[in-house]
Protein backbone atom coordinates (compact mmCIF):
# COMPACT_ATOMS: atom_id res chain seq x y z
CA MET A 1 0.00 0.00 0.00
CA THR A 2 1.38 3.43 -1.01
CA ALA A 3 1.63 6.36 1.39
CA LEU A 4 -1.47 8.13 0.01
CA PRO A 5 -3.89 5.19 0.54
CA LYS A 6 -2.41 4.71 4.03
CA VAL A 7 -3.09 8.34 4.90
CA ARG A 8 -6.61 8.09 3.46
CA SER A 9 -7.30 4.97 5.54
CA ILE A 10 -6.05 6.64 8.73
CA LEU A 11 -8.19 9.73 8.11
CA LEU A 12 -11.29 7.61 7.45
CA ALA A 13 -10.70 5.56 10.62
CA SER A 14 -10.13 8.71 12.70
CA SER A 15 -13.34 10.27 11.36
CA ALA A 16 -15.28 7.15 12.22
CA ILE A 17 -13.93 7.16 15.77
CA ILE A 18 -14.73 10.87 16.21
CA LEU A 19 -18.28 10.28 15.03
CA LEU A 20 -18.66 7.14 17.11
CA VAL A 21 -17.41 8.47 20.48
CA PRO A 22 -20.43 10.75 21.12
CA GLU A 23 -22.75 7.86 20.29
CA LEU A 24 -20.93 5.60 22.73
CA ALA A 25 -21.07 8.31 25.41
CA LEU A 26 -24.80 8.79 24.77
CA ALA A 27 -25.41 5.05 24.96
CA GLN A 28 -23.55 4.93 28.27
CA ALA A 29 -25.47 7.94 29.58
CA GLN A 30 -28.78 6.25 28.72
CA GLU A 31 -27.78 3.22 30.81
CA VAL A 32 -26.90 5.29 33.89
CA ASP A 33 -29.40 5.71 36.70
CA PRO A 34 -28.95 9.38 37.66
CA ASN A 35 -30.17 8.79 41.24
CA THR A 36 -27.11 6.75 42.16
CA THR A 37 -23.43 7.47 42.55
CA VAL A 38 -20.71 6.07 40.31
CA THR A 39 -19.86 3.28 42.76
CA GLU A 40 -23.50 2.29 43.39
CA ARG A 41 -24.86 2.18 39.85
CA ALA A 42 -25.61 -1.11 38.15
CA ARG A 43 -23.08 -2.61 35.75
CA PRO A 44 -24.95 -5.54 34.17
CA GLU A 45 -21.86 -6.81 32.40
CA TYR A 46 -19.78 -6.83 35.61
CA ASP A 47 -22.29 -7.30 38.46
CA PRO A 48 -22.31 -10.80 40.02
CA LEU A 49 -25.37 -12.92 39.21
CA GLY A 50 -25.58 -14.57 42.60
CA ILE A 51 -26.97 -18.00 43.43
CA ARG A 52 -30.75 -18.32 43.38
CA SER A 53 -32.40 -20.37 46.12
CA GLY A 54 -36.17 -20.10 45.99
CA ALA A 55 -37.13 -16.47 46.58
CA PHE A 56 -33.63 -15.51 47.71
CA LEU A 57 -30.40 -14.54 45.97
CA ILE A 58 -27.13 -15.52 47.66
CA PHE A 59 -23.98 -13.50 46.99
CA PRO A 60 -20.75 -15.08 48.32
CA GLU A 61 -17.66 -12.89 48.32
CA LEU A 62 -14.01 -13.27 49.26
CA GLY A 63 -11.55 -10.41 49.48
CA ILE A 64 -7.80 -10.95 49.86
CA SER A 65 -5.32 -8.10 50.14
CA GLY A 66 -1.75 -7.45 51.10
CA SER A 67 -0.55 -4.16 52.54
CA TYR A 68 2.55 -2.49 53.88
CA SER A 69 2.34 -0.04 56.78
CA ASP A 70 5.22 1.98 58.17
CA ASN A 71 3.52 2.19 61.60
CA VAL A 72 1.17 -0.74 62.30
CA GLY A 73 0.75 0.20 65.96
CA PHE A 74 -0.12 3.87 65.31
CA ASP A 75 2.62 4.73 67.78
CA GLU A 76 4.43 8.05 68.14
CA ASP A 77 7.79 6.81 69.43
CA ASP A 78 8.01 3.15 68.39
CA GLU A 79 7.07 3.03 64.70
CA ASP A 80 7.09 -0.63 63.63
CA SER A 81 6.65 -1.31 59.92
CA ASP A 82 5.11 -4.58 58.76
CA PHE A 83 3.38 -6.46 55.96
CA VAL A 84 -0.26 -7.39 56.61
CA THR A 85 -2.42 -10.00 54.89
CA THR A 86 -6.16 -9.36 55.19
CA ILE A 87 -8.81 -11.98 54.35
CA GLU A 88 -12.48 -10.96 54.19
CA PRO A 89 -15.04 -13.69 53.43
CA SER A 90 -18.75 -12.81 53.47
CA VAL A 91 -22.16 -14.03 52.31
CA ASN A 92 -25.11 -11.75 51.59
CA ILE A 93 -28.63 -13.22 51.27
CA ALA A 94 -31.41 -10.96 49.92
CA SER A 95 -35.09 -11.68 49.31
CA GLN A 96 -36.62 -11.06 45.89
CA TRP A 97 -40.24 -10.65 47.00
CA SER A 98 -42.47 -8.04 45.39
CA ARG A 99 -43.46 -6.92 48.91
CA HIS A 100 -41.56 -7.01 52.19
CA LEU A 101 -37.79 -7.38 52.48
CA LEU A 102 -35.38 -9.64 54.29
CA GLN A 103 -31.60 -9.42 54.08
CA LEU A 104 -28.89 -11.28 55.97
CA GLU A 105 -25.13 -10.85 55.87
CA VAL A 106 -22.45 -12.87 57.62
CA GLY A 107 -18.76 -12.20 57.31
CA SER A 108 -15.34 -11.90 58.86
CA GLU A 109 -12.18 -9.84 58.64
CA ILE A 110 -8.90 -11.54 59.47
CA ALA A 111 -5.61 -9.62 59.64
CA ILE A 112 -2.30 -11.48 59.84
CA HIS A 113 0.92 -9.53 60.41
CA ALA A 114 4.25 -10.89 59.21
CA GLU A 115 6.11 -9.84 62.38
CA GLU A 116 3.90 -7.89 64.82
CA SER A 117 1.56 -10.76 65.76
CA ASP A 118 0.15 -8.77 68.71
CA GLU A 119 -1.63 -6.64 66.12
CA ASP A 120 -3.42 -9.64 64.55
CA PHE A 121 -7.20 -9.73 64.81
CA GLN A 122 -10.13 -11.84 63.68
CA ASP A 123 -13.46 -10.00 63.59
CA PHE A 124 -16.88 -11.51 62.83
CA PHE A 125 -20.28 -10.02 62.10
CA ALA A 126 -23.82 -11.22 61.49
CA LEU A 127 -26.35 -8.62 60.40
CA GLY A 128 -30.01 -8.86 59.52
CA ASP A 129 -32.57 -6.29 58.48
CA GLY A 130 -36.07 -6.48 57.16
CA ARG A 131 -39.20 -4.59 56.24
CA TYR A 132 -42.81 -5.69 56.62
CA ASP A 133 -45.25 -3.75 54.43
CA ILE A 134 -48.53 -3.48 56.30
CA SER A 135 -50.00 -1.26 53.57
CA ARG A 136 -48.81 1.22 50.96
CA GLN A 137 -48.71 3.87 53.70
CA THR A 138 -47.38 1.85 56.65
CA ASN A 139 -44.43 -0.45 57.21
CA VAL A 140 -42.36 -1.83 60.05
CA VAL A 141 -38.56 -2.11 59.74
CA GLY A 142 -36.19 -3.95 62.02
CA ASN A 143 -32.59 -5.00 62.38
CA VAL A 144 -30.46 -7.33 64.49
CA GLN A 145 -26.70 -7.55 64.81
CA GLY A 146 -23.96 -9.53 66.47
CA ARG A 147 -20.27 -8.65 66.20
CA LEU A 148 -16.87 -9.58 67.49
CA THR A 149 -14.82 -6.47 66.80
CA HIS A 150 -11.83 -4.74 68.33
CA GLU A 151 -10.69 -1.31 69.43
CA GLY A 152 -8.33 0.01 66.77
CA ARG A 153 -4.96 1.50 67.61
CA ASP A 154 -6.08 4.77 66.02
CA ASP A 155 -9.09 5.01 68.35
CA PRO A 156 -8.62 7.72 71.02
CA GLU A 157 -10.06 5.26 73.57
CA ASP A 158 -7.39 2.62 72.90
CA ASN A 159 -5.61 1.75 76.16
CA GLY A 160 -2.25 1.13 74.46
CA GLY A 161 -1.94 -2.42 75.81
CA ASP A 162 0.28 -5.09 74.33
CA GLU A 163 -2.70 -6.75 72.61
CA LEU A 164 -5.82 -5.40 70.96
CA THR A 165 -9.00 -5.24 73.04
CA ASP A 166 -11.80 -7.45 71.69
CA ILE A 167 -15.36 -6.17 71.95
CA TYR A 168 -18.55 -8.25 71.70
CA GLU A 169 -21.58 -6.31 70.48
CA PHE A 170 -25.20 -7.46 70.30
CA GLY A 171 -28.24 -5.41 69.48
CA GLY A 172 -31.20 -4.61 67.35
CA GLY A 173 -33.83 -2.06 66.53
CA LEU A 174 -37.44 -1.64 65.48
CA ALA A 175 -39.31 1.27 63.88
CA ILE A 176 -42.73 1.93 62.39
CA ASN A 177 -43.23 4.34 59.49
CA HIS A 178 -46.59 5.80 58.47
CA GLN A 179 -47.47 8.22 55.66
CA ILE A 180 -50.61 10.38 55.57
CA ASN A 181 -50.70 12.30 52.31
CA ARG A 182 -47.64 14.56 52.59
CA LEU A 183 -47.05 13.93 56.29
CA GLY A 184 -44.76 11.13 57.44
CA PHE A 185 -44.22 9.75 60.94
CA THR A 186 -41.48 7.49 62.34
CA LEU A 187 -41.19 6.03 65.81
CA GLY A 188 -38.28 3.74 66.55
CA GLY A 189 -35.74 2.52 69.04
CA ASP A 190 -32.40 0.69 69.20
CA VAL A 191 -30.46 -1.15 71.87
CA LEU A 192 -26.79 -2.13 71.83
CA ARG A 193 -24.97 -4.33 74.36
CA SER A 194 -21.15 -3.98 74.47
CA VAL A 195 -18.87 -6.36 76.39
CA PHE A 196 -15.08 -5.80 76.54
CA ASP A 197 -12.99 -8.98 76.62
CA ASP A 198 -10.32 -7.54 78.91
CA ASP A 199 -10.27 -7.63 82.71
CA ASP A 200 -8.93 -4.06 82.79
CA GLU A 201 -11.79 -2.83 80.57
CA GLU A 202 -14.77 -4.63 82.14
CA ASP A 203 -15.95 -1.41 83.78
CA ARG A 204 -16.83 -0.20 80.23
CA ASN A 205 -19.43 -2.95 79.67
CA ALA A 206 -22.72 -1.19 78.99
CA ASN A 207 -26.17 -1.14 77.45
CA VAL A 208 -26.99 1.81 75.19
CA TYR A 209 -30.60 2.72 74.32
CA ASP A 210 -31.74 5.16 71.64
CA LEU A 211 -35.27 6.40 70.93
CA VAL A 212 -36.28 8.55 67.95
CA LEU A 213 -39.48 10.30 66.87
CA ARG A 214 -39.55 12.00 63.44
CA THR A 215 -42.22 13.97 61.59
CA SER A 216 -41.64 14.85 57.95
CA TYR A 217 -43.46 16.88 55.32
CA ASP A 218 -43.16 16.42 51.54
CA VAL A 219 -42.72 19.98 50.30
CA SER A 220 -42.29 18.58 46.78
CA PRO A 221 -41.45 15.21 45.23
CA ARG A 222 -37.76 16.13 45.54
CA PHE A 223 -37.68 17.99 48.87
CA ASP A 224 -38.78 16.76 52.33
CA MET A 225 -38.48 18.71 55.58
CA PHE A 226 -38.38 16.94 58.94
CA VAL A 227 -38.19 17.61 62.66
CA GLU A 228 -36.84 14.94 64.96
CA GLY A 229 -36.46 14.30 68.66
CA ARG A 230 -33.96 11.80 70.06
CA TYR A 231 -33.29 10.41 73.52
CA ASN A 232 -30.34 8.22 74.59
CA VAL A 233 -29.27 6.34 77.71
CA GLU A 234 -25.95 4.63 78.52
CA ASP A 235 -26.22 2.24 81.46
CA ARG A 236 -22.90 0.76 82.65
CA ASP A 237 -22.75 -2.62 84.41
CA ASP A 238 -20.54 -1.01 87.06
CA ASN A 239 -22.00 2.16 88.52
CA VAL A 240 -18.47 3.43 89.18
CA ASP A 241 -15.47 2.75 86.90
CA ASP A 242 -11.93 1.85 87.97
CA ASN A 243 -11.09 5.56 88.33
CA GLY A 244 -13.97 6.15 90.74
CA ILE A 245 -16.13 7.99 88.17
CA GLU A 246 -19.84 7.34 87.57
CA ARG A 247 -20.11 6.88 83.79
CA ASP A 248 -23.89 6.45 83.41
CA THR A 249 -25.37 9.18 81.22
CA ASP A 250 -28.47 10.20 79.32
CA GLY A 251 -29.28 12.96 76.86
CA PHE A 252 -31.67 14.35 74.30
CA GLU A 253 -31.47 16.20 71.01
CA ALA A 254 -33.79 18.20 68.76
CA ARG A 255 -33.09 18.26 65.01
CA ILE A 256 -34.45 19.97 61.94
CA GLY A 257 -33.36 18.87 58.49
CA ALA A 258 -34.21 17.95 54.93
CA ASP A 259 -34.02 15.11 52.43
CA VAL A 260 -33.11 16.60 49.06
CA ASP A 261 -32.99 15.31 45.49
CA LEU A 262 -32.22 18.20 43.16
CA THR A 263 -32.83 16.71 39.71
CA ALA A 264 -30.57 13.79 40.67
CA VAL A 265 -27.52 16.08 40.61
CA LEU A 266 -27.44 16.62 44.39
CA PHE A 267 -29.19 14.27 46.77
CA GLY A 268 -28.99 13.15 50.41
CA GLU A 269 -29.82 14.38 53.91
CA VAL A 270 -28.70 17.29 56.09
CA PHE A 271 -29.73 18.38 59.58
CA ALA A 272 -28.83 20.72 62.41
CA GLY A 273 -29.78 20.35 66.04
CA TYR A 274 -29.16 21.15 69.67
CA ARG A 275 -27.75 18.51 72.00
CA VAL A 276 -27.86 18.11 75.81
CA GLN A 277 -26.02 15.33 77.67
CA ARG A 278 -26.39 14.73 81.41
CA PHE A 279 -24.10 12.71 83.68
CA GLU A 280 -24.53 10.80 86.93
CA GLU A 281 -21.09 11.98 88.08
CA ASP A 282 -21.54 14.97 90.41
CA ASP A 283 -18.29 16.56 89.21
CA PHE A 284 -19.49 16.67 85.60
CA ASP A 285 -21.65 19.53 84.41
CA ASP A 286 -24.30 18.98 81.75
CA GLU A 287 -22.83 19.30 78.26
CA THR A 288 -24.69 21.27 75.60
CA GLY A 289 -23.87 22.21 72.04
CA ILE A 290 -24.90 22.54 68.42
CA SER A 291 -25.00 19.25 66.51
CA PHE A 292 -25.20 18.66 62.78
CA GLY A 293 -25.00 15.97 60.17
CA ALA A 294 -24.71 15.73 56.41
CA ASP A 295 -24.60 12.90 53.89
CA LEU A 296 -24.80 14.37 50.39
CA SER A 297 -23.89 13.06 46.93
CA TRP A 298 -23.19 15.32 43.96
CA ASN A 299 -22.90 14.07 40.38
CA PRO A 300 -21.24 16.93 38.46
CA THR A 301 -21.07 14.63 35.41
CA LEU A 302 -22.36 11.18 34.52
CA LEU A 303 -18.90 9.78 35.19
CA THR A 304 -18.00 11.56 38.44
CA SER A 305 -19.52 11.49 41.93
CA VAL A 306 -18.51 13.66 44.87
CA GLY A 307 -19.62 12.80 48.40
CA PHE A 308 -19.85 15.25 51.30
CA SER A 309 -20.24 14.06 54.89
CA GLY A 310 -20.12 15.72 58.27
CA GLN A 311 -21.14 15.10 61.86
CA ARG A 312 -20.91 16.82 65.24
CA ASP A 313 -22.09 14.98 68.33
CA PHE A 314 -21.24 13.83 71.86
CA ARG A 315 -19.65 10.41 72.29
CA ALA A 316 -19.14 8.40 75.47
CA THR A 317 -15.57 8.30 76.74
CA ASP A 318 -13.37 6.77 79.41
CA GLU A 319 -10.50 9.16 78.79
CA GLY A 320 -9.06 10.32 82.12
CA GLY A 321 -11.43 12.68 83.86
CA ALA A 322 -13.32 13.71 80.72
CA ALA A 323 -17.10 13.78 80.82
CA SER A 324 -17.56 13.16 77.09
CA ASN A 325 -15.94 13.45 73.69
CA PHE A 326 -17.47 16.16 71.49
CA ARG A 327 -16.46 14.86 68.05
CA THR A 328 -16.59 16.90 64.83
CA GLU A 329 -16.01 15.21 61.47
CA PHE A 330 -15.87 16.33 57.83
CA GLY A 331 -15.18 14.24 54.74
CA VAL A 332 -15.03 14.50 50.96
CA THR A 333 -14.83 11.57 48.53
CA VAL A 334 -14.44 11.61 44.75
CA ASP A 335 -15.12 8.64 42.44
CA HIS A 336 -14.50 8.82 38.70
CA GLU A 337 -15.39 6.21 36.11
CA VAL A 338 -12.45 6.07 33.70
CA LEU A 339 -14.00 3.08 31.92
CA ARG A 340 -17.09 1.02 32.66
CA ASN A 341 -14.88 -1.38 34.60
CA VAL A 342 -12.31 1.07 36.01
CA ILE A 343 -12.99 3.51 38.86
CA VAL A 344 -10.44 5.76 40.54
CA ASN A 345 -11.20 7.34 43.89
CA GLY A 346 -9.85 9.78 46.42
CA GLU A 347 -10.87 10.90 49.89
CA ALA A 348 -9.98 13.48 52.51
CA ARG A 349 -11.28 13.41 56.09
CA TYR A 350 -10.80 15.59 59.16
CA GLN A 351 -11.76 14.68 62.73
CA ASN A 352 -11.58 16.70 65.94
CA ASP A 353 -11.99 15.00 69.34
CA ASP A 354 -12.60 17.48 72.15
CA PHE A 355 -12.59 15.71 75.52
CA ARG A 356 -14.74 17.93 77.70
CA GLY A 357 -13.41 18.41 81.21
CA ASP A 358 -10.06 16.72 80.57
CA GLY A 359 -8.28 19.27 78.39
CA ARG A 360 -7.24 16.74 75.75
CA GLU A 361 -7.92 17.65 72.12
CA ASP A 362 -6.98 15.64 69.02
CA ASP A 363 -6.94 16.66 65.36
CA SER A 364 -6.79 13.81 62.86
CA ILE A 365 -6.65 13.72 59.07
CA LEU A 366 -6.94 10.90 56.54
CA LEU A 367 -5.98 11.16 52.88
CA GLY A 368 -6.43 8.28 50.47
CA ALA A 369 -6.47 7.33 46.80
CA GLY A 370 -7.17 4.08 44.99
CA VAL A 371 -8.32 2.28 41.87
CA THR A 372 -10.68 -0.65 41.28
CA VAL A 373 -10.69 -2.71 38.08
CA TRP A 374 -13.41 -5.27 37.31
CA LEU A 375 -11.99 -8.00 35.08
CA ASN A 376 -15.32 -9.84 34.81
CA ARG A 377 -18.40 -10.60 36.94
CA ASN A 378 -16.40 -12.69 39.37
CA LEU A 379 -13.05 -10.98 39.77
CA SER A 380 -11.89 -7.44 40.51
CA LEU A 381 -8.52 -5.96 41.44
CA ASN A 382 -7.84 -2.96 43.67
CA ALA A 383 -4.90 -0.92 44.87
CA GLY A 384 -4.63 2.07 47.17
CA TYR A 385 -2.62 4.39 49.36
CA ASP A 386 -3.67 5.91 52.71
CA PHE A 387 -2.04 8.55 54.87
CA SER A 388 -3.29 9.21 58.40
CA GLU A 389 -2.01 11.56 61.08
CA ARG A 390 -3.11 12.61 64.56
CA ASP A 391 -1.93 15.75 66.35
CA SER A 392 -2.82 15.74 70.05
CA ASN A 393 -2.04 18.10 72.90
CA GLU A 394 -1.55 15.04 75.13
CA ALA A 395 1.93 13.53 75.14
CA GLY A 396 2.33 10.19 73.39
CA GLU A 397 -0.90 10.35 71.38
CA ASP A 398 0.49 11.67 68.07
CA PHE A 399 1.10 9.36 65.12
CA THR A 400 1.73 9.34 61.37
CA VAL A 401 1.01 6.31 59.17
CA ASN A 402 1.56 5.54 55.48
CA GLN A 403 -0.05 2.42 54.05
CA PHE A 404 0.04 0.85 50.58
CA SER A 405 -2.27 -2.02 49.61
CA ILE A 406 -3.16 -4.27 46.69
CA GLY A 407 -5.83 -6.95 46.58
CA LEU A 408 -8.44 -8.90 44.70
CA THR A 409 -12.11 -9.75 45.26
CA LEU A 410 -13.87 -12.93 44.14
CA ARG A 411 -17.67 -12.84 43.78
CA LEU A 412 -20.38 -15.20 42.57
């Protein structure tokens, strides 16, 4: 073939590609559900089919990853680097009924360190949730959970012992929802039992109760306003902890907020409220403050999703002589679909822990980036990098950690 026919062929092929790309983009856009984020949307050619058993679909999954951390103990002075193998098997079972819903998930996370075996852990969880549709306007939802988890080294409550502290958690909740024209009502409650598998931490064993009452109003199909009242109780097994402090507490909160869906470009929930927490300990004054929460998703394009999250609330604590931990959090995540089977992501998070009455204050940041590649319905690969740092005004509580990871996930 002479040079001229070659050039003509290249020009014709380039023109075809230029004309075809918009059509491909349009076809992809037509497949996308605009009310979901990039990571949540369906990918029929890559989503697992599951195993059908009667009216249920069963989705087994196994994740295996290897990582390198330059500070596995999140320690300020003794930074031990190590390689970690993480194995995460799980099974999700979901009903396929036209009405009602039942979903069960059982799984585990096992971390094995090459050298620092004291940092090994083996967590388990069993979760169940369901919905019973009494009518088109009324339903009852419930959940149950059982976990064997642990207190992470990056948790401000970690006691810094030689081994990780295991925690057994059991609980559940029930709520009823009712809709009358544009008015909606929700009444629900949750209970959580926590047991610490450490003789030095047994004074933290507790039952936590939460009660919520919400009234909402549908201003429009894409905008709901709500007001909400919440009440909480933490009842310790031991009235007085090992430091001689009564840790029982109760509190209430009033919130006003909105559920938004602005033409599927911005959707989620935001609220602001006022919080009061009371303590049995005579030396602790009642704590009050503004609370807020946000969980918003923004799709600036069909291929990019940005998530915004935030929270400000009181948390129970056993830190020194502190009455509570007033935690403030902000986070931003970005997910971009490079190809139908390739997603890159990034995140940035900030957390402030203000221990009221103790003087301790921590500022923590997390930065991360990663990529996920689906090879087919049953296999995906992932890689990532995370940087975390805590700056505390209490000696010995600072740390800096860099972690690199690579892994694969098998699904049926």
